PDB file of all heavy atoms in Angstrom:
ATOM      1  N   HIS A   1      -3.045  10.572 -20.827  1.00  0.00           N
ATOM      2  CA  HIS A   1      -3.802   9.902 -21.945  1.00  0.00           C
ATOM      3  C   HIS A   1      -3.145   8.631 -22.386  1.00  0.00           C
ATOM      4  O   HIS A   1      -2.670   8.373 -23.575  1.00  0.00           O
ATOM      5  CB  HIS A   1      -3.935  10.785 -23.218  1.00  0.00           C
ATOM      6  CG  HIS A   1      -4.471  12.166 -22.900  1.00  0.00           C
ATOM      7  ND1 HIS A   1      -5.748  12.299 -22.591  1.00  0.00           N
ATOM      8  CD2 HIS A   1      -3.881  13.315 -22.775  1.00  0.00           C
ATOM      9  CE1 HIS A   1      -5.948  13.755 -22.322  1.00  0.00           C
ATOM     10  NE2 HIS A   1      -4.852  14.339 -22.600  1.00  0.00           N
ATOM     11  N   PRO A   2      -2.773   7.739 -21.504  1.00  0.00           N
ATOM     12  CA  PRO A   2      -2.157   6.414 -21.817  1.00  0.00           C
ATOM     13  C   PRO A   2      -2.971   5.589 -22.697  1.00  0.00           C
ATOM     14  O   PRO A   2      -4.224   5.573 -22.552  1.00  0.00           O
ATOM     15  CB  PRO A   2      -1.801   5.721 -20.566  1.00  0.00           C
ATOM     16  CG  PRO A   2      -2.749   6.374 -19.575  1.00  0.00           C
ATOM     17  CD  PRO A   2      -3.073   7.724 -20.018  1.00  0.00           C
ATOM     18  N   SER A   3      -2.421   4.895 -23.585  1.00  0.00           N
ATOM     19  CA  SER A   3      -3.266   3.982 -24.488  1.00  0.00           C
ATOM     20  C   SER A   3      -2.227   3.021 -25.047  1.00  0.00           C
ATOM     21  O   SER A   3      -1.051   3.289 -25.482  1.00  0.00           O
ATOM     22  CB  SER A   3      -3.944   4.779 -25.611  1.00  0.00           C
ATOM     23  OG  SER A   3      -4.389   3.952 -26.670  1.00  0.00           O
ATOM     24  N   GLY A   4      -2.660   1.879 -25.524  1.00  0.00           N
ATOM     25  CA  GLY A   4      -1.825   0.888 -26.117  1.00  0.00           C
ATOM     26  C   GLY A   4      -1.511   1.255 -27.524  1.00  0.00           C
ATOM     27  O   GLY A   4      -0.462   0.709 -28.073  1.00  0.00           O
ATOM     28  N   ALA A   5      -2.035   2.216 -28.075  1.00  0.00           N
ATOM     29  CA  ALA A   5      -1.769   2.751 -29.453  1.00  0.00           C
ATOM     30  C   ALA A   5      -0.689   3.977 -29.395  1.00  0.00           C
ATOM     31  O   ALA A   5      -0.398   4.513 -30.392  1.00  0.00           O
ATOM     32  CB  ALA A   5      -3.032   3.157 -30.230  1.00  0.00           C
ATOM     33  N   GLN A   6      -0.205   4.287 -28.089  1.00  0.00           N
ATOM     34  CA  GLN A   6       0.604   5.519 -27.986  1.00  0.00           C
ATOM     35  C   GLN A   6       2.158   5.191 -27.952  1.00  0.00           C
ATOM     36  O   GLN A   6       2.841   6.201 -27.654  1.00  0.00           O
ATOM     37  CB  GLN A   6       0.159   6.313 -26.852  1.00  0.00           C
ATOM     38  CG  GLN A   6      -1.280   6.722 -26.880  1.00  0.00           C
ATOM     39  CD  GLN A   6      -1.400   7.962 -28.046  1.00  0.00           C
ATOM     40  OE1 GLN A   6      -0.377   8.507 -28.225  1.00  0.00           O
ATOM     41  NE2 GLN A   6      -2.664   8.183 -28.494  1.00  0.00           N
ATOM     42  N   ALA A   7       2.575   4.009 -27.887  1.00  0.00           N
ATOM     43  CA  ALA A   7       3.976   3.762 -27.761  1.00  0.00           C
ATOM     44  C   ALA A   7       4.790   4.363 -28.970  1.00  0.00           C
ATOM     45  O   ALA A   7       4.261   4.332 -30.185  1.00  0.00           O
ATOM     46  CB  ALA A   7       4.206   2.210 -27.713  1.00  0.00           C
ATOM     47  N   LYS A   8       5.933   5.064 -28.612  1.00  0.00           N
ATOM     48  CA  LYS A   8       6.721   5.724 -29.709  1.00  0.00           C
ATOM     49  C   LYS A   8       8.154   5.157 -29.658  1.00  0.00           C
ATOM     50  O   LYS A   8       8.597   4.697 -28.706  1.00  0.00           O
ATOM     51  CB  LYS A   8       6.813   7.173 -29.178  1.00  0.00           C
ATOM     52  CG  LYS A   8       5.377   7.839 -29.012  1.00  0.00           C
ATOM     53  CD  LYS A   8       4.669   8.242 -30.278  1.00  0.00           C
ATOM     54  CE  LYS A   8       3.560   9.124 -30.129  1.00  0.00           C
ATOM     55  NZ  LYS A   8       2.534   8.709 -29.150  1.00  0.00           N
ATOM     56  N   PRO A   9       8.665   5.147 -31.016  1.00  0.00           N
ATOM     57  CA  PRO A   9      10.073   4.687 -31.115  1.00  0.00           C
ATOM     58  C   PRO A   9      10.898   5.514 -30.116  1.00  0.00           C
ATOM     59  O   PRO A   9      10.823   6.696 -30.087  1.00  0.00           O
ATOM     60  CB  PRO A   9      10.343   5.035 -32.598  1.00  0.00           C
ATOM     61  CG  PRO A   9       9.079   4.711 -33.257  1.00  0.00           C
ATOM     62  CD  PRO A   9       8.080   5.384 -32.280  1.00  0.00           C
ATOM     63  N   GLY A  10      11.805   4.860 -29.333  1.00  0.00           N
ATOM     64  CA  GLY A  10      12.783   5.472 -28.493  1.00  0.00           C
ATOM     65  C   GLY A  10      12.085   5.246 -27.033  1.00  0.00           C
ATOM     66  O   GLY A  10      12.902   5.576 -26.058  1.00  0.00           O
ATOM     67  N   ASP A  11      10.918   5.048 -26.810  1.00  0.00           N
ATOM     68  CA  ASP A  11      10.372   4.844 -25.476  1.00  0.00           C
ATOM     69  C   ASP A  11      11.194   3.742 -24.751  1.00  0.00           C
ATOM     70  O   ASP A  11      11.551   2.739 -25.383  1.00  0.00           O
ATOM     71  CB  ASP A  11       8.879   4.483 -25.538  1.00  0.00           C
ATOM     72  CG  ASP A  11       7.924   5.610 -25.674  1.00  0.00           C
ATOM     73  OD1 ASP A  11       8.371   6.804 -25.699  1.00  0.00           O
ATOM     74  OD2 ASP A  11       6.661   5.373 -25.896  1.00  0.00           O
ATOM     75  N   ALA A  12      11.325   3.990 -23.449  1.00  0.00           N
ATOM     76  CA  ALA A  12      11.750   2.902 -22.521  1.00  0.00           C
ATOM     77  C   ALA A  12      10.479   1.984 -22.187  1.00  0.00           C
ATOM     78  O   ALA A  12       9.431   2.469 -22.096  1.00  0.00           O
ATOM     79  CB  ALA A  12      12.387   3.537 -21.407  1.00  0.00           C
ATOM     80  N   VAL A  13      10.868   0.747 -21.967  1.00  0.00           N
ATOM     81  CA  VAL A  13       9.795  -0.226 -21.480  1.00  0.00           C
ATOM     82  C   VAL A  13      10.221  -0.637 -20.075  1.00  0.00           C
ATOM     83  O   VAL A  13      11.296  -1.054 -19.794  1.00  0.00           O
ATOM     84  CB  VAL A  13       9.830  -1.439 -22.356  1.00  0.00           C
ATOM     85  CG1 VAL A  13       8.716  -2.468 -21.934  1.00  0.00           C
ATOM     86  CG2 VAL A  13       9.560  -1.125 -23.953  1.00  0.00           C
ATOM     87  N   ILE A  14       9.269  -0.315 -19.174  1.00  0.00           N
ATOM     88  CA  ILE A  14       9.501  -0.470 -17.735  1.00  0.00           C
ATOM     89  C   ILE A  14       8.511  -1.610 -17.242  1.00  0.00           C
ATOM     90  O   ILE A  14       7.263  -1.610 -17.596  1.00  0.00           O
ATOM     91  CB  ILE A  14       9.182   0.838 -16.986  1.00  0.00           C
ATOM     92  CG1 ILE A  14      10.201   1.850 -17.497  1.00  0.00           C
ATOM     93  CG2 ILE A  14       9.257   0.592 -15.466  1.00  0.00           C
ATOM     94  CD1 ILE A  14       9.796   3.334 -16.921  1.00  0.00           C
ATOM     95  N   VAL A  15       8.985  -2.401 -16.315  1.00  0.00           N
ATOM     96  CA  VAL A  15       7.994  -3.247 -15.563  1.00  0.00           C
ATOM     97  C   VAL A  15       8.122  -2.821 -14.086  1.00  0.00           C
ATOM     98  O   VAL A  15       9.207  -2.489 -13.658  1.00  0.00           O
ATOM     99  CB  VAL A  15       8.282  -4.859 -15.748  1.00  0.00           C
ATOM    100  CG1 VAL A  15       7.993  -5.220 -17.062  1.00  0.00           C
ATOM    101  CG2 VAL A  15       9.638  -5.118 -15.341  1.00  0.00           C
ATOM    102  N   THR A  16       7.027  -2.856 -13.430  1.00  0.00           N
ATOM    103  CA  THR A  16       7.081  -2.431 -12.008  1.00  0.00           C
ATOM    104  C   THR A  16       7.512  -3.393 -10.991  1.00  0.00           C
ATOM    105  O   THR A  16       7.347  -3.039  -9.671  1.00  0.00           O
ATOM    106  CB  THR A  16       5.638  -1.777 -11.684  1.00  0.00           C
ATOM    107  OG1 THR A  16       4.703  -2.679 -11.779  1.00  0.00           O
ATOM    108  CG2 THR A  16       5.323  -0.557 -12.626  1.00  0.00           C
ATOM    109  N   GLY A  17       7.900  -4.604 -11.340  1.00  0.00           N
ATOM    110  CA  GLY A  17       8.417  -5.425 -10.454  1.00  0.00           C
ATOM    111  C   GLY A  17       8.634  -6.818 -11.041  1.00  0.00           C
ATOM    112  O   GLY A  17       8.486  -6.893 -12.281  1.00  0.00           O
ATOM    113  N   ASP A  18       8.984  -7.863 -10.251  1.00  0.00           N
ATOM    114  CA  ASP A  18       9.300  -9.139 -10.758  1.00  0.00           C
ATOM    115  C   ASP A  18       8.066  -9.810 -11.295  1.00  0.00           C
ATOM    116  O   ASP A  18       6.961  -9.537 -10.863  1.00  0.00           O
ATOM    117  CB  ASP A  18       9.961 -10.002  -9.709  1.00  0.00           C
ATOM    118  CG  ASP A  18       8.974 -10.253  -8.555  1.00  0.00           C
ATOM    119  OD1 ASP A  18       8.581  -9.344  -7.888  1.00  0.00           O
ATOM    120  OD2 ASP A  18       8.652 -11.453  -8.256  1.00  0.00           O
ATOM    121  N   ILE A  19       8.222 -10.464 -12.476  1.00  0.00           N
ATOM    122  CA  ILE A  19       7.102 -11.026 -13.336  1.00  0.00           C
ATOM    123  C   ILE A  19       6.786 -12.372 -13.049  1.00  0.00           C
ATOM    124  O   ILE A  19       7.655 -13.194 -12.595  1.00  0.00           O
ATOM    125  CB  ILE A  19       7.384 -10.663 -14.824  1.00  0.00           C
ATOM    126  CG1 ILE A  19       8.414 -11.548 -15.292  1.00  0.00           C
ATOM    127  CG2 ILE A  19       7.703  -9.176 -14.918  1.00  0.00           C
ATOM    128  CD1 ILE A  19       8.671 -11.619 -16.734  1.00  0.00           C
ATOM    129  N   GLY A  20       5.437 -12.769 -13.335  1.00  0.00           N
ATOM    130  CA  GLY A  20       5.087 -14.241 -13.371  1.00  0.00           C
ATOM    131  C   GLY A  20       4.685 -14.781 -12.015  1.00  0.00           C
ATOM    132  O   GLY A  20       4.331 -16.089 -12.016  1.00  0.00           O
ATOM    133  N   ARG A  21       4.658 -14.026 -11.013  1.00  0.00           N
ATOM    134  CA  ARG A  21       4.398 -14.700  -9.728  1.00  0.00           C
ATOM    135  C   ARG A  21       3.028 -15.206  -9.545  1.00  0.00           C
ATOM    136  O   ARG A  21       2.840 -16.227  -8.908  1.00  0.00           O
ATOM    137  CB  ARG A  21       4.801 -13.659  -8.556  1.00  0.00           C
ATOM    138  CG  ARG A  21       6.290 -13.750  -8.119  1.00  0.00           C
ATOM    139  CD  ARG A  21       6.466 -13.407  -6.789  1.00  0.00           C
ATOM    140  NE  ARG A  21       6.589 -12.003  -6.585  1.00  0.00           N
ATOM    141  CZ  ARG A  21       5.819 -11.258  -5.528  1.00  0.00           C
ATOM    142  NH1 ARG A  21       5.165 -12.064  -4.527  1.00  0.00           N
ATOM    143  NH2 ARG A  21       5.972 -10.001  -5.413  1.00  0.00           N
ATOM    144  N   HIS A  22       2.034 -14.453 -10.100  1.00  0.00           N
ATOM    145  CA  HIS A  22       0.607 -14.932  -9.892  1.00  0.00           C
ATOM    146  C   HIS A  22       0.356 -16.153 -10.567  1.00  0.00           C
ATOM    147  O   HIS A  22      -0.148 -17.133 -10.097  1.00  0.00           O
ATOM    148  CB  HIS A  22      -0.339 -13.871 -10.362  1.00  0.00           C
ATOM    149  CG  HIS A  22      -1.771 -14.320 -10.263  1.00  0.00           C
ATOM    150  ND1 HIS A  22      -2.393 -14.307  -8.923  1.00  0.00           N
ATOM    151  CD2 HIS A  22      -2.764 -14.665 -11.076  1.00  0.00           C
ATOM    152  CE1 HIS A  22      -3.689 -14.744  -9.048  1.00  0.00           C
ATOM    153  NE2 HIS A  22      -3.869 -15.097 -10.321  1.00  0.00           N
ATOM    154  N   GLY A  23       0.781 -16.242 -11.873  1.00  0.00           N
ATOM    155  CA  GLY A  23       0.591 -17.494 -12.607  1.00  0.00           C
ATOM    156  C   GLY A  23       1.356 -18.744 -11.992  1.00  0.00           C
ATOM    157  O   GLY A  23       0.694 -19.812 -11.957  1.00  0.00           O
ATOM    158  N   CYS A  24       2.558 -18.510 -11.535  1.00  0.00           N
ATOM    159  CA  CYS A  24       3.325 -19.595 -10.885  1.00  0.00           C
ATOM    160  C   CYS A  24       2.624 -19.925  -9.490  1.00  0.00           C
ATOM    161  O   CYS A  24       2.519 -21.072  -9.283  1.00  0.00           O
ATOM    162  CB  CYS A  24       4.731 -18.973 -10.596  1.00  0.00           C
ATOM    163  SG  CYS A  24       5.844 -20.422  -9.939  1.00  0.00           S
ATOM    164  N   THR A  25       2.025 -18.952  -8.790  1.00  0.00           N
ATOM    165  CA  THR A  25       1.426 -19.295  -7.589  1.00  0.00           C
ATOM    166  C   THR A  25       0.186 -20.227  -7.771  1.00  0.00           C
ATOM    167  O   THR A  25      -0.098 -21.176  -7.057  1.00  0.00           O
ATOM    168  CB  THR A  25       1.013 -17.999  -6.804  1.00  0.00           C
ATOM    169  OG1 THR A  25       2.105 -17.179  -6.447  1.00  0.00           O
ATOM    170  CG2 THR A  25       0.181 -18.261  -5.547  1.00  0.00           C
ATOM    171  N   ILE A  26      -0.686 -19.767  -8.713  1.00  0.00           N
ATOM    172  CA  ILE A  26      -1.864 -20.653  -9.085  1.00  0.00           C
ATOM    173  C   ILE A  26      -1.484 -21.974  -9.558  1.00  0.00           C
ATOM    174  O   ILE A  26      -2.153 -22.967  -9.151  1.00  0.00           O
ATOM    175  CB  ILE A  26      -2.617 -19.881 -10.238  1.00  0.00           C
ATOM    176  CG1 ILE A  26      -3.254 -18.564  -9.650  1.00  0.00           C
ATOM    177  CG2 ILE A  26      -3.765 -20.739 -10.792  1.00  0.00           C
ATOM    178  CD1 ILE A  26      -4.138 -18.616  -8.538  1.00  0.00           C
ATOM    179  N   LEU A  27      -0.320 -22.110 -10.233  1.00  0.00           N
ATOM    180  CA  LEU A  27       0.054 -23.435 -10.767  1.00  0.00           C
ATOM    181  C   LEU A  27       0.425 -24.253  -9.545  1.00  0.00           C
ATOM    182  O   LEU A  27       0.001 -25.557  -9.497  1.00  0.00           O
ATOM    183  CB  LEU A  27       1.226 -23.226 -11.729  1.00  0.00           C
ATOM    184  CG  LEU A  27       1.829 -24.430 -12.380  1.00  0.00           C
ATOM    185  CD1 LEU A  27       0.941 -25.089 -13.468  1.00  0.00           C
ATOM    186  CD2 LEU A  27       3.303 -24.160 -12.991  1.00  0.00           C
ATOM    187  N   LEU A  28       1.237 -23.728  -8.681  1.00  0.00           N
ATOM    188  CA  LEU A  28       1.568 -24.527  -7.540  1.00  0.00           C
ATOM    189  C   LEU A  28       0.458 -24.877  -6.650  1.00  0.00           C
ATOM    190  O   LEU A  28       0.377 -26.011  -5.951  1.00  0.00           O
ATOM    191  CB  LEU A  28       2.683 -23.744  -6.812  1.00  0.00           C
ATOM    192  CG  LEU A  28       4.002 -23.665  -7.578  1.00  0.00           C
ATOM    193  CD1 LEU A  28       4.968 -22.704  -6.710  1.00  0.00           C
ATOM    194  CD2 LEU A  28       4.645 -24.819  -7.956  1.00  0.00           C
ATOM    195  N   ALA A  29      -0.501 -23.884  -6.480  1.00  0.00           N
ATOM    196  CA  ALA A  29      -1.514 -24.126  -5.543  1.00  0.00           C
ATOM    197  C   ALA A  29      -2.561 -25.357  -6.086  1.00  0.00           C
ATOM    198  O   ALA A  29      -3.264 -25.991  -5.215  1.00  0.00           O
ATOM    199  CB  ALA A  29      -2.477 -22.946  -5.551  1.00  0.00           C
ATOM    200  N   ARG A  30      -2.437 -25.592  -7.381  1.00  0.00           N
ATOM    201  CA  ARG A  30      -3.283 -26.765  -7.845  1.00  0.00           C
ATOM    202  C   ARG A  30      -2.545 -28.125  -7.496  1.00  0.00           C
ATOM    203  O   ARG A  30      -3.195 -29.181  -7.699  1.00  0.00           O
ATOM    204  CB  ARG A  30      -3.448 -26.538  -9.344  1.00  0.00           C
ATOM    205  CG  ARG A  30      -4.339 -25.516  -9.728  1.00  0.00           C
ATOM    206  CD  ARG A  30      -4.459 -25.183 -11.166  1.00  0.00           C
ATOM    207  NE  ARG A  30      -5.309 -24.100 -11.409  1.00  0.00           N
ATOM    208  CZ  ARG A  30      -5.244 -23.244 -12.566  1.00  0.00           C
ATOM    209  NH1 ARG A  30      -4.471 -23.691 -13.469  1.00  0.00           N
ATOM    210  NH2 ARG A  30      -6.077 -22.232 -12.586  1.00  0.00           N
ATOM    211  N   ASN A  31      -1.328 -28.091  -7.123  1.00  0.00           N
ATOM    212  CA  ASN A  31      -0.643 -29.226  -6.652  1.00  0.00           C
ATOM    213  C   ASN A  31      -0.689 -30.303  -7.641  1.00  0.00           C
ATOM    214  O   ASN A  31      -0.768 -31.515  -7.427  1.00  0.00           O
ATOM    215  CB  ASN A  31      -1.146 -29.651  -5.350  1.00  0.00           C
ATOM    216  CG  ASN A  31      -0.118 -30.494  -4.591  1.00  0.00           C
ATOM    217  OD1 ASN A  31       1.095 -30.418  -4.844  1.00  0.00           O
ATOM    218  ND2 ASN A  31      -0.668 -31.407  -3.687  1.00  0.00           N
ATOM    219  N   GLN A  32      -0.552 -30.010  -9.037  1.00  0.00           N
ATOM    220  CA  GLN A  32      -0.580 -31.031 -10.083  1.00  0.00           C
ATOM    221  C   GLN A  32       0.696 -31.559 -10.331  1.00  0.00           C
ATOM    222  O   GLN A  32       0.856 -32.805 -10.898  1.00  0.00           O
ATOM    223  CB  GLN A  32      -1.080 -30.473 -11.348  1.00  0.00           C
ATOM    224  CG  GLN A  32      -2.470 -30.102 -11.178  1.00  0.00           C
ATOM    225  CD  GLN A  32      -3.066 -29.328 -12.427  1.00  0.00           C
ATOM    226  OE1 GLN A  32      -2.294 -28.375 -12.980  1.00  0.00           O
ATOM    227  NE2 GLN A  32      -4.188 -29.527 -13.011  1.00  0.00           N
ATOM    228  N   PHE A  33       1.780 -30.968  -9.952  1.00  0.00           N
ATOM    229  CA  PHE A  33       3.322 -31.282 -10.270  1.00  0.00           C
ATOM    230  C   PHE A  33       3.997 -31.741  -8.908  1.00  0.00           C
ATOM    231  O   PHE A  33       5.149 -32.296  -9.113  1.00  0.00           O
ATOM    232  CB  PHE A  33       3.995 -30.357 -11.065  1.00  0.00           C
ATOM    233  CG  PHE A  33       3.197 -29.780 -12.278  1.00  0.00           C
ATOM    234  CD1 PHE A  33       2.485 -28.721 -12.353  1.00  0.00           C
ATOM    235  CD2 PHE A  33       3.406 -30.699 -13.383  1.00  0.00           C
ATOM    236  CE1 PHE A  33       1.696 -28.365 -13.669  1.00  0.00           C
ATOM    237  CE2 PHE A  33       2.710 -30.259 -14.604  1.00  0.00           C
ATOM    238  CZ  PHE A  33       1.964 -29.185 -14.692  1.00  0.00           C
ATOM    239  N   GLY A  34       3.454 -31.577  -7.845  1.00  0.00           N
ATOM    240  CA  GLY A  34       4.197 -31.905  -6.569  1.00  0.00           C
ATOM    241  C   GLY A  34       5.421 -31.108  -6.355  1.00  0.00           C
ATOM    242  O   GLY A  34       6.297 -31.554  -5.726  1.00  0.00           O
ATOM    243  N   ILE A  35       5.465 -29.891  -6.781  1.00  0.00           N
ATOM    244  CA  ILE A  35       6.649 -28.985  -6.752  1.00  0.00           C
ATOM    245  C   ILE A  35       6.372 -28.014  -5.338  1.00  0.00           C
ATOM    246  O   ILE A  35       5.194 -27.397  -5.389  1.00  0.00           O
ATOM    247  CB  ILE A  35       6.804 -28.067  -7.982  1.00  0.00           C
ATOM    248  CG1 ILE A  35       7.008 -28.910  -9.124  1.00  0.00           C
ATOM    249  CG2 ILE A  35       7.842 -27.118  -7.689  1.00  0.00           C
ATOM    250  CD1 ILE A  35       7.128 -28.025 -10.305  1.00  0.00           C
ATOM    251  N   ASP A  36       7.303 -28.134  -4.497  1.00  0.00           N
ATOM    252  CA  ASP A  36       7.294 -27.196  -3.331  1.00  0.00           C
ATOM    253  C   ASP A  36       8.163 -26.050  -3.641  1.00  0.00           C
ATOM    254  O   ASP A  36       9.395 -26.208  -3.630  1.00  0.00           O
ATOM    255  CB  ASP A  36       7.668 -28.018  -2.095  1.00  0.00           C
ATOM    256  CG  ASP A  36       7.455 -27.197  -0.826  1.00  0.00           C
ATOM    257  OD1 ASP A  36       6.877 -26.224  -0.899  1.00  0.00           O
ATOM    258  OD2 ASP A  36       8.199 -27.652   0.160  1.00  0.00           O
ATOM    259  N   ALA A  37       7.555 -24.800  -3.782  1.00  0.00           N
ATOM    260  CA  ALA A  37       8.425 -23.645  -3.859  1.00  0.00           C
ATOM    261  C   ALA A  37       7.778 -22.456  -3.249  1.00  0.00           C
ATOM    262  O   ALA A  37       6.497 -22.375  -3.006  1.00  0.00           O
ATOM    263  CB  ALA A  37       8.499 -23.273  -5.362  1.00  0.00           C
ATOM    264  N   ASP A  38       8.587 -21.564  -2.698  1.00  0.00           N
ATOM    265  CA  ASP A  38       8.198 -20.372  -1.929  1.00  0.00           C
ATOM    266  C   ASP A  38       7.681 -19.216  -2.822  1.00  0.00           C
ATOM    267  O   ASP A  38       8.489 -18.439  -3.092  1.00  0.00           O
ATOM    268  CB  ASP A  38       9.177 -20.015  -0.891  1.00  0.00           C
ATOM    269  CG  ASP A  38       8.723 -18.888  -0.049  1.00  0.00           C
ATOM    270  OD1 ASP A  38       7.473 -18.550   0.103  1.00  0.00           O
ATOM    271  OD2 ASP A  38       9.576 -18.104   0.586  1.00  0.00           O
ATOM    272  N   VAL A  39       6.460 -19.244  -3.371  1.00  0.00           N
ATOM    273  CA  VAL A  39       6.034 -18.225  -4.282  1.00  0.00           C
ATOM    274  C   VAL A  39       4.650 -17.829  -3.823  1.00  0.00           C
ATOM    275  O   VAL A  39       3.729 -18.528  -3.528  1.00  0.00           O
ATOM    276  CB  VAL A  39       5.843 -18.794  -5.652  1.00  0.00           C
ATOM    277  CG1 VAL A  39       5.473 -17.791  -6.660  1.00  0.00           C
ATOM    278  CG2 VAL A  39       7.134 -19.521  -6.144  1.00  0.00           C
ATOM    279  N   THR A  40       4.481 -16.470  -3.785  1.00  0.00           N
ATOM    280  CA  THR A  40       3.306 -15.782  -3.235  1.00  0.00           C
ATOM    281  C   THR A  40       2.770 -14.832  -4.460  1.00  0.00           C
ATOM    282  O   THR A  40       3.639 -14.194  -5.131  1.00  0.00           O
ATOM    283  CB  THR A  40       3.513 -14.970  -2.089  1.00  0.00           C
ATOM    284  OG1 THR A  40       3.984 -15.777  -1.037  1.00  0.00           O
ATOM    285  CG2 THR A  40       2.243 -14.268  -1.601  1.00  0.00           C
ATOM    286  N   SER A  41       1.524 -14.849  -4.709  1.00  0.00           N
ATOM    287  CA  SER A  41       0.928 -13.910  -5.698  1.00  0.00           C
ATOM    288  C   SER A  41       1.283 -12.470  -5.607  1.00  0.00           C
ATOM    289  O   SER A  41       1.440 -12.112  -4.360  1.00  0.00           O
ATOM    290  CB  SER A  41      -0.655 -14.117  -5.796  1.00  0.00           C
ATOM    291  OG  SER A  41      -1.161 -13.187  -6.650  1.00  0.00           O
ATOM    292  N   ASP A  42       1.427 -11.813  -6.608  1.00  0.00           N
ATOM    293  CA  ASP A  42       1.723 -10.281  -6.531  1.00  0.00           C
ATOM    294  C   ASP A  42       0.386  -9.566  -6.543  1.00  0.00           C
ATOM    295  O   ASP A  42       0.378  -8.296  -6.550  1.00  0.00           O
ATOM    296  CB  ASP A  42       2.608  -9.924  -7.715  1.00  0.00           C
ATOM    297  CG  ASP A  42       2.005 -10.242  -8.941  1.00  0.00           C
ATOM    298  OD1 ASP A  42       0.952 -10.912  -9.007  1.00  0.00           O
ATOM    299  OD2 ASP A  42       2.521  -9.756 -10.041  1.00  0.00           O
ATOM    300  N   CYS A  43      -0.903 -10.202  -6.384  1.00  0.00           N
ATOM    301  CA  CYS A  43      -2.045  -9.520  -6.433  1.00  0.00           C
ATOM    302  C   CYS A  43      -2.160  -8.323  -5.567  1.00  0.00           C
ATOM    303  O   CYS A  43      -2.025  -8.432  -4.334  1.00  0.00           O
ATOM    304  CB  CYS A  43      -3.246 -10.594  -5.934  1.00  0.00           C
ATOM    305  SG  CYS A  43      -4.842  -9.938  -5.958  1.00  0.00           S
ATOM    306  N   ALA A  44      -2.371  -7.069  -6.212  1.00  0.00           N
ATOM    307  CA  ALA A  44      -2.417  -5.865  -5.482  1.00  0.00           C
ATOM    308  C   ALA A  44      -3.061  -4.733  -6.185  1.00  0.00           C
ATOM    309  O   ALA A  44      -3.151  -4.855  -7.361  1.00  0.00           O
ATOM    310  CB  ALA A  44      -0.931  -5.453  -5.090  1.00  0.00           C
TER     311      ALA A  44
END
């Protein structure tokens, strides 16, 4: 029964992997800043 209203004091907060890759990928794909970086979306 997971829900956004079920977090409890003492809970651990976990992320399942490195963050921000999709947003960074979309930003670079638009080529507005001329930045060349090896970033791939985490879409899965």
